[in-house]
Structure formats: structure tokens, C-alpha cells
Amino acid sequence: MPLRWQEVALPLVIITVLIALKYVPAFSQLPLSRAAGVVAFGYAAFLALRLMQPEVALATEDGWSELRPSLVEYFACYGAAALSMVLLLGVITLGHSADLLEVFATYLAAFLLLVGAAGIGLAGLFTNTRWDHRRLVHRSALGRTTTIEWSKVHKVMPNWRGVTVVASTGAITFSQFHAGAAQLVSHAAMRARRNSETATSAFGL
């Protein structure tokens, strides 16, 4: 699946902000250059794994196609959680000799990384999205199941959470980083276009 502009803009904005803060006197003592380097390294790893993301979904024996978490999501979730633990360990062991602002910034970074890891896990790793020729089914990390019929789909749109398939009976959002997401987007867009053409023809008649 092609890179979206958000995937390029977000790390560039973060790196730019970190470098700019380095020249603010109140933040000059923080290791912001090192943080910018970590973000740049993480983004390089993200791009490498993104290129390896499979575009074809897993085909099951009972006739369903199923999305699976990709290496990008595993790397982002467990990498962010591990980095958060490392930062917390550093604060616990070296916090007594560090500047108060540095300790606060480290705690904040660790908290944000932990929240990000939990969000990625709930939105991607622990969900299940599958479809056959009649319907699309999504089960959330909390066990909630949503089902929509392909015959009622009328729109496919990207958003900050991923890609949303909209039908007259509901909507399903899945991660664009899932293995097979490109195949599902293509299939859903084709169904939406076909349903629109059918509705237009019926209205014309």
C-alpha cells in the first residue's frame, strides 16, 4: 500500500520541533539532538519494514480472506513499549543525579511511548478483519464484532486511524499497515463503485 502524506509529514515535524527546541534556552540541557536521532533511526526502520508489507491477504480454507498484523505494527508496538521501559529504568537508576526538567521530560516521553504502544496494540495487533464474497467482518480488541454487507457499501475513505469502509448499515475501520490492507482497499473500492453504478442505473430507470 502506498505511503500516505501523514506517514512522511509526522516524523519530519517531530524532528524539526526537537531541533528547534534545542535552541530554546529553557530546553538546552535536554538531549534533544539524541532524541531527534532516535526518531530518524526509527523512521528509517519503519520505511524498511513498510516496503516489506505484503499486499495480499491471507486466504483461509473456508473461503475467507483475512488481514494480519505486519512487521511494521509489531516493530512500532513492541519497540515503543521497550523504549518506554528503558527510559523509565534510566530515570529510576539515574534520576537522583539528573536535572528536574530532564527527569520530567523523560517521564513524559516514556508515558507517551507507552500510550502509543497500547494504541497500536488495540487498533492493530489484537483486532481481526476478514471478508468473503458477501460481507466484511471486523472484531475489535475488546471483542466487539461489526459486520457489513458488500451490497450496502458506498464509500471507502482514509483517516487518521487507517481506512474506513462505510456502508448504509455501519462502518468498519482497519489499519493501513495490516498485511493485505491494499487488497481489501481495492476490493472495497470496487464494491463501492459497483454499488454506486447500480444505484445510478436504477434511479435512471
Protein backbone atom coordinates (compact mmCIF):
# COMPACT_ATOMS: atom_id res chain seq x y z
CA MET A 1 0.00 0.00 0.00
CA PRO A 2 1.48 3.43 -0.97
CA LEU A 3 2.82 5.76 1.70
CA ARG A 4 0.33 8.41 2.80
CA TRP A 5 1.40 12.00 3.37
CA GLN A 6 0.80 11.68 7.13
CA GLU A 7 3.43 8.93 7.32
CA VAL A 8 6.01 11.28 5.81
CA ALA A 9 4.96 14.52 7.49
CA LEU A 10 4.70 13.31 11.11
CA PRO A 11 8.32 12.22 11.66
CA LEU A 12 9.63 15.28 9.78
CA VAL A 13 7.56 17.58 12.01
CA ILE A 14 8.75 15.80 15.17
CA ILE A 15 12.41 16.01 14.14
CA THR A 16 12.02 19.70 13.20
CA VAL A 17 10.38 20.53 16.54
CA LEU A 18 13.09 18.69 18.51
CA ILE A 19 15.86 20.53 16.65
CA ALA A 20 14.10 23.89 17.11
CA LEU A 21 13.65 23.29 20.85
CA LYS A 22 17.38 22.65 21.14
CA TYR A 23 17.92 26.39 20.59
CA VAL A 24 15.41 27.44 23.26
CA PRO A 25 17.32 28.26 26.47
CA ALA A 26 14.80 26.51 28.72
CA PHE A 27 15.32 23.20 26.87
CA SER A 28 19.00 23.48 26.01
CA GLN A 29 20.00 20.97 28.70
CA LEU A 30 17.79 18.21 27.31
CA PRO A 31 19.31 15.61 24.94
CA LEU A 32 17.04 16.73 22.08
CA SER A 33 19.62 16.06 19.36
CA ARG A 34 19.86 12.48 20.57
CA ALA A 35 16.07 12.21 20.61
CA ALA A 36 15.91 13.51 17.03
CA GLY A 37 18.45 10.85 16.05
CA VAL A 38 16.33 8.13 17.67
CA VAL A 39 13.26 9.36 15.77
CA ALA A 40 15.22 9.40 12.49
CA PHE A 41 16.53 5.87 13.10
CA GLY A 42 13.05 4.63 13.99
CA TYR A 43 11.59 6.18 10.86
CA ALA A 44 14.27 4.57 8.69
CA ALA A 45 13.40 1.19 10.20
CA PHE A 46 9.69 1.94 9.65
CA LEU A 47 10.29 2.66 5.95
CA ALA A 48 12.32 -0.54 5.53
CA LEU A 49 9.58 -2.64 7.13
CA ARG A 50 6.87 -0.75 5.24
CA LEU A 51 8.41 -1.84 1.95
CA MET A 52 8.16 -5.45 3.13
CA GLN A 53 4.44 -5.19 3.96
CA PRO A 54 2.52 -7.88 2.00
CA GLU A 55 -0.28 -6.52 -0.20
CA VAL A 56 -2.17 -9.81 -0.47
CA ALA A 57 -4.35 -11.02 2.40
CA LEU A 58 -4.22 -14.48 3.92
CA ALA A 59 -6.67 -16.89 2.29
CA THR A 60 -8.26 -19.35 4.73
CA GLU A 61 -9.54 -22.82 3.94
CA ASP A 62 -13.18 -21.83 4.50
CA GLY A 63 -13.16 -19.23 1.72
CA TRP A 64 -12.37 -16.10 3.73
CA SER A 65 -9.62 -13.56 3.17
CA GLU A 66 -8.07 -12.20 6.34
CA LEU A 67 -5.82 -9.29 7.32
CA ARG A 68 -2.85 -9.95 9.56
CA PRO A 69 -0.60 -7.60 11.56
CA SER A 70 2.56 -6.69 9.67
CA LEU A 71 6.16 -6.31 10.82
CA VAL A 72 5.61 -2.54 10.91
CA GLU A 73 2.95 -2.88 13.62
CA TYR A 74 4.96 -5.39 15.66
CA PHE A 75 8.03 -3.14 15.48
CA ALA A 76 6.06 0.00 16.41
CA CYS A 77 4.14 -1.58 19.28
CA TYR A 78 6.84 -3.63 20.98
CA GLY A 79 9.62 -1.18 20.08
CA ALA A 80 7.75 1.73 21.66
CA ALA A 81 6.95 -0.35 24.75
CA ALA A 82 10.59 -1.46 25.11
CA LEU A 83 11.91 2.09 24.68
CA SER A 84 9.43 3.31 27.28
CA MET A 85 10.69 0.72 29.76
CA VAL A 86 14.31 1.70 29.04
CA LEU A 87 13.54 5.37 29.70
CA LEU A 88 11.74 4.54 32.94
CA LEU A 89 14.64 2.35 34.06
CA GLY A 90 17.06 5.18 33.30
CA VAL A 91 15.01 7.60 35.37
CA ILE A 92 14.78 5.16 38.28
CA THR A 93 18.52 4.41 38.33
CA LEU A 94 19.93 7.83 37.39
CA GLY A 95 17.08 10.18 38.27
CA HIS A 96 18.64 11.26 41.56
CA SER A 97 21.56 12.88 39.73
CA ALA A 98 19.65 14.34 36.78
CA ASP A 99 18.12 17.78 36.31
CA LEU A 100 14.44 18.07 37.32
CA LEU A 101 13.40 19.21 33.83
CA GLU A 102 15.25 16.30 32.27
CA VAL A 103 13.55 13.83 34.60
CA PHE A 104 10.12 15.30 33.80
CA ALA A 105 10.79 15.21 30.04
CA THR A 106 11.95 11.59 30.27
CA TYR A 107 8.86 10.59 32.24
CA LEU A 108 6.65 12.35 29.68
CA ALA A 109 8.40 10.65 26.75
CA ALA A 110 8.08 7.24 28.44
CA PHE A 111 4.38 7.83 29.11
CA LEU A 112 3.68 8.91 25.52
CA LEU A 113 5.54 5.90 24.13
CA LEU A 114 3.57 3.56 26.40
CA VAL A 115 0.27 5.14 25.34
CA GLY A 116 1.32 4.86 21.69
CA ALA A 117 2.23 1.18 22.10
CA ALA A 118 -1.12 0.44 23.76
CA GLY A 119 -2.97 2.31 21.00
CA ILE A 120 -1.17 0.39 18.26
CA GLY A 121 -1.89 -2.89 20.02
CA LEU A 122 -5.59 -2.15 20.47
CA ALA A 123 -6.05 -0.77 16.95
CA GLY A 124 -3.91 -3.25 15.07
CA LEU A 125 -2.31 -6.25 16.72
CA PHE A 126 -5.31 -7.57 18.62
CA THR A 127 -8.04 -6.99 16.03
CA ASN A 128 -9.33 -9.29 13.30
CA THR A 129 -10.68 -8.23 9.90
CA ARG A 130 -11.91 -10.79 7.36
CA TRP A 131 -14.19 -10.90 4.35
CA ASP A 132 -15.76 -13.24 1.81
CA HIS A 133 -17.87 -12.57 -1.30
CA ARG A 134 -20.87 -11.39 0.76
CA ARG A 135 -19.69 -9.48 3.82
CA LEU A 136 -16.88 -7.80 5.73
CA VAL A 137 -16.42 -8.68 9.41
CA HIS A 138 -14.32 -6.84 11.99
CA ARG A 139 -13.66 -7.89 15.58
CA SER A 140 -12.11 -5.28 17.85
CA ALA A 141 -9.52 -5.91 20.57
CA LEU A 142 -12.36 -5.73 23.13
CA GLY A 143 -14.38 -8.43 21.34
CA ARG A 144 -16.96 -6.24 19.60
CA THR A 145 -17.94 -7.63 16.18
CA THR A 146 -19.17 -5.45 13.31
CA THR A 147 -20.49 -6.91 10.05
CA ILE A 148 -21.44 -5.07 6.87
CA GLU A 149 -22.74 -6.45 3.58
CA TRP A 150 -20.78 -5.64 0.43
CA SER A 151 -24.02 -4.79 -1.34
CA LYS A 152 -24.54 -1.86 1.05
CA VAL A 153 -21.03 -0.34 0.86
CA HIS A 154 -20.96 3.13 -0.69
CA LYS A 155 -17.64 4.73 0.34
CA VAL A 156 -14.02 3.93 1.20
CA MET A 157 -12.02 6.73 2.82
CA PRO A 158 -8.66 7.11 4.60
CA ASN A 159 -8.47 8.75 8.02
CA TRP A 160 -6.02 9.10 10.91
CA ARG A 161 -6.94 5.65 12.27
CA GLY A 162 -6.45 3.84 8.96
CA VAL A 163 -9.03 3.13 6.26
CA THR A 164 -12.81 3.17 6.80
CA VAL A 165 -15.29 1.20 4.73
CA VAL A 166 -18.68 2.92 5.01
CA ALA A 167 -21.99 1.17 4.38
CA SER A 168 -25.60 2.19 4.94
CA THR A 169 -25.71 -0.17 7.93
CA GLY A 170 -22.44 0.84 9.60
CA ALA A 171 -18.72 1.34 9.10
CA ILE A 172 -15.53 -0.63 9.67
CA THR A 173 -12.06 0.87 10.17
CA PHE A 174 -8.89 -1.16 9.78
CA SER A 175 -5.19 -0.33 9.87
CA GLN A 176 -3.48 0.53 6.59
CA PHE A 177 -0.39 -1.22 7.97
CA HIS A 178 -2.04 -4.66 8.04
CA ALA A 179 -0.71 -7.28 5.67
CA GLY A 180 -3.30 -7.42 2.88
CA ALA A 181 -4.72 -3.94 3.52
CA ALA A 182 -4.06 -2.90 -0.10
CA GLN A 183 -6.09 -5.86 -1.36
CA LEU A 184 -9.00 -5.04 0.93
CA VAL A 185 -8.97 -1.35 -0.04
CA SER A 186 -9.02 -2.28 -3.73
CA HIS A 187 -11.84 -4.78 -3.22
CA ALA A 188 -13.92 -2.38 -1.11
CA ALA A 189 -13.43 0.47 -3.61
CA MET A 190 -14.55 -1.79 -6.45
CA ARG A 191 -17.65 -2.83 -4.49
CA ALA A 192 -18.49 0.80 -3.65
CA ARG A 193 -18.13 1.82 -7.29
CA ARG A 194 -20.26 -1.09 -8.48
CA ASN A 195 -22.98 -0.32 -5.92
CA SER A 196 -22.95 3.34 -6.98
CA GLU A 197 -23.32 2.41 -10.65
CA THR A 198 -26.17 0.03 -9.81
CA ALA A 199 -27.96 2.70 -7.78
CA THR A 200 -27.49 5.27 -10.57
CA SER A 201 -28.84 2.88 -13.17
CA ALA A 202 -31.85 2.03 -11.01
CA PHE A 203 -32.56 5.71 -10.41
CA GLY A 204 -32.28 6.45 -14.13
CA LEU A 205 -34.77 3.76 -14.95
